[in-house]
Amino acid sequence: MNDETRYYWDEDAEEIICPYCGEKYEPSYEDCYIGGEYVDCYSEEEVELTCDRCHKKFKMHGYPAGWRYRTETIDGEATCEEVERLLEGNS
């Protein structure tokens, strides 16, 4: 396994998607909680989140052009096997 960071980017998705398990979160102006923490879904700031399903940390980047989201794995959070499955699923 190389040290590249893994990204999940789906141009058609308006949800925040965990890059490990695929859990989807619906962005909201009022009540979006991920990992028990309130998330400002309409900020361009990079945010570190913890998935409610798999409990792994990931980074979320919001893009204001139609509010699309890119999520990114964090080094050390995924096993080699999980990264391989991610690569197979995104190819």
C-alpha atoms as a PDB file:
ATOM      1  CA  MET A   1       0.000   0.000   0.000  1.00  0.00           C
ATOM      2  CA  ASN A   2       1.339   3.436  -0.830  1.00  0.00           C
ATOM      3  CA  ASP A   3       0.939   6.541   1.310  1.00  0.00           C
ATOM      4  CA  GLU A   4      -1.472   8.367  -1.005  1.00  0.00           C
ATOM      5  CA  THR A   5      -4.531   9.851   0.629  1.00  0.00           C
ATOM      6  CA  ARG A   6      -7.800   8.320  -0.574  1.00  0.00           C
ATOM      7  CA  TYR A   7     -10.643  10.543  -1.723  1.00  0.00           C
ATOM      8  CA  TYR A   8     -14.318   9.903  -2.299  1.00  0.00           C
ATOM      9  CA  TRP A   9     -15.716  12.311  -4.838  1.00  0.00           C
ATOM     10  CA  ASP A  10     -19.030  11.846  -6.594  1.00  0.00           C
ATOM     11  CA  GLU A  11     -20.023  14.783  -8.789  1.00  0.00           C
ATOM     12  CA  ASP A  12     -23.688  13.818  -8.588  1.00  0.00           C
ATOM     13  CA  ALA A  13     -23.819  13.346  -4.812  1.00  0.00           C
ATOM     14  CA  GLU A  14     -25.056  16.128  -2.643  1.00  0.00           C
ATOM     15  CA  GLU A  15     -24.545  14.003   0.470  1.00  0.00           C
ATOM     16  CA  ILE A  16     -21.525  13.737   2.717  1.00  0.00           C
ATOM     17  CA  ILE A  17     -20.277  10.159   2.218  1.00  0.00           C
ATOM     18  CA  CYS A  18     -17.939   8.253   4.533  1.00  0.00           C
ATOM     19  CA  PRO A  19     -14.980   7.151   2.367  1.00  0.00           C
ATOM     20  CA  TYR A  20     -14.620   3.906   4.363  1.00  0.00           C
ATOM     21  CA  CYS A  21     -18.087   2.386   4.628  1.00  0.00           C
ATOM     22  CA  GLY A  22     -20.222   4.552   2.300  1.00  0.00           C
ATOM     23  CA  GLU A  23     -22.561   5.859   5.023  1.00  0.00           C
ATOM     24  CA  LYS A  24     -24.408   8.889   3.637  1.00  0.00           C
ATOM     25  CA  TYR A  25     -25.302  12.019   5.568  1.00  0.00           C
ATOM     26  CA  GLU A  26     -27.846  14.527   4.312  1.00  0.00           C
ATOM     27  CA  PRO A  27     -26.503  18.100   4.607  1.00  0.00           C
ATOM     28  CA  SER A  28     -28.746  20.514   6.484  1.00  0.00           C
ATOM     29  CA  TYR A  29     -28.595  24.141   7.563  1.00  0.00           C
ATOM     30  CA  GLU A  30     -29.955  23.257  10.988  1.00  0.00           C
ATOM     31  CA  ASP A  31     -29.445  19.708  12.185  1.00  0.00           C
ATOM     32  CA  CYS A  32     -26.600  17.759  10.610  1.00  0.00           C
ATOM     33  CA  TYR A  33     -24.781  15.682  13.198  1.00  0.00           C
ATOM     34  CA  ILE A  34     -21.972  13.279  12.355  1.00  0.00           C
ATOM     35  CA  GLY A  35     -20.260  11.357  15.129  1.00  0.00           C
ATOM     36  CA  GLY A  36     -22.428  13.168  17.668  1.00  0.00           C
ATOM     37  CA  GLU A  37     -21.008  16.551  16.636  1.00  0.00           C
ATOM     38  CA  TYR A  38     -22.843  19.382  14.873  1.00  0.00           C
ATOM     39  CA  VAL A  39     -21.464  19.917  11.359  1.00  0.00           C
ATOM     40  CA  ASP A  40     -21.679  23.202   9.452  1.00  0.00           C
ATOM     41  CA  CYS A  41     -22.316  21.676   6.033  1.00  0.00           C
ATOM     42  CA  TYR A  42     -22.190  25.028   4.250  1.00  0.00           C
ATOM     43  CA  SER A  43     -18.656  26.063   5.084  1.00  0.00           C
ATOM     44  CA  GLU A  44     -15.619  25.761   2.857  1.00  0.00           C
ATOM     45  CA  GLU A  45     -13.505  24.888   5.901  1.00  0.00           C
ATOM     46  CA  GLU A  46     -11.987  21.403   6.067  1.00  0.00           C
ATOM     47  CA  VAL A  47     -13.666  19.469   8.871  1.00  0.00           C
ATOM     48  CA  GLU A  48     -12.560  16.245  10.565  1.00  0.00           C
ATOM     49  CA  LEU A  49     -15.507  13.939  11.281  1.00  0.00           C
ATOM     50  CA  THR A  50     -16.092  10.495  12.808  1.00  0.00           C
ATOM     51  CA  CYS A  51     -18.520   8.178  11.022  1.00  0.00           C
ATOM     52  CA  ASP A  52     -21.491   6.987  13.072  1.00  0.00           C
ATOM     53  CA  ARG A  53     -21.446   3.551  11.419  1.00  0.00           C
ATOM     54  CA  CYS A  54     -17.762   2.503  11.212  1.00  0.00           C
ATOM     55  CA  HIS A  55     -16.368   5.003  13.783  1.00  0.00           C
ATOM     56  CA  LYS A  56     -13.433   5.978  11.569  1.00  0.00           C
ATOM     57  CA  LYS A  57     -12.244   9.545  11.180  1.00  0.00           C
ATOM     58  CA  PHE A  58     -12.351  11.286   7.817  1.00  0.00           C
ATOM     59  CA  LYS A  59     -12.011  14.796   6.439  1.00  0.00           C
ATOM     60  CA  MET A  60     -14.819  16.631   4.646  1.00  0.00           C
ATOM     61  CA  HIS A  61     -14.401  19.494   2.196  1.00  0.00           C
ATOM     62  CA  GLY A  62     -17.453  21.471   1.064  1.00  0.00           C
ATOM     63  CA  TYR A  63     -17.558  23.216  -2.312  1.00  0.00           C
ATOM     64  CA  PRO A  64     -20.048  26.081  -2.723  1.00  0.00           C
ATOM     65  CA  ALA A  65     -20.744  25.471  -6.425  1.00  0.00           C
ATOM     66  CA  GLY A  66     -24.018  23.615  -5.867  1.00  0.00           C
ATOM     67  CA  TRP A  67     -22.664  22.385  -2.511  1.00  0.00           C
ATOM     68  CA  ARG A  68     -20.892  19.200  -3.438  1.00  0.00           C
ATOM     69  CA  TYR A  69     -18.717  17.333  -0.942  1.00  0.00           C
ATOM     70  CA  ARG A  70     -15.386  15.550  -1.113  1.00  0.00           C
ATOM     71  CA  THR A  71     -14.404  13.278   1.741  1.00  0.00           C
ATOM     72  CA  GLU A  72     -10.903  12.053   2.417  1.00  0.00           C
ATOM     73  CA  THR A  73      -9.483   9.190   4.429  1.00  0.00           C
ATOM     74  CA  ILE A  74      -7.015   9.899   7.230  1.00  0.00           C
ATOM     75  CA  ASP A  75      -3.714   8.007   7.370  1.00  0.00           C
ATOM     76  CA  GLY A  76      -3.850   5.150   9.842  1.00  0.00           C
ATOM     77  CA  GLU A  77      -7.652   4.927   9.956  1.00  0.00           C
ATOM     78  CA  ALA A  78      -8.021   2.242   7.259  1.00  0.00           C
ATOM     79  CA  THR A  79      -6.443  -1.174   6.985  1.00  0.00           C
ATOM     80  CA  CYS A  80      -4.676  -2.200   3.770  1.00  0.00           C
ATOM     81  CA  GLU A  81      -7.653  -4.415   2.894  1.00  0.00           C
ATOM     82  CA  GLU A  82     -10.113  -1.547   3.354  1.00  0.00           C
ATOM     83  CA  VAL A  83      -8.063   0.733   1.118  1.00  0.00           C
ATOM     84  CA  GLU A  84      -7.931  -1.953  -1.573  1.00  0.00           C
ATOM     85  CA  ARG A  85     -11.744  -2.313  -1.440  1.00  0.00           C
ATOM     86  CA  LEU A  86     -12.078   1.465  -1.737  1.00  0.00           C
ATOM     87  CA  LEU A  87      -9.834   1.503  -4.806  1.00  0.00           C
ATOM     88  CA  GLU A  88     -11.760  -1.361  -6.426  1.00  0.00           C
ATOM     89  CA  GLY A  89     -15.079   0.354  -5.736  1.00  0.00           C
ATOM     90  CA  ASN A  90     -13.966   3.685  -7.210  1.00  0.00           C
ATOM     91  CA  SER A  91     -12.434   2.342 -10.419  1.00  0.00           C
END
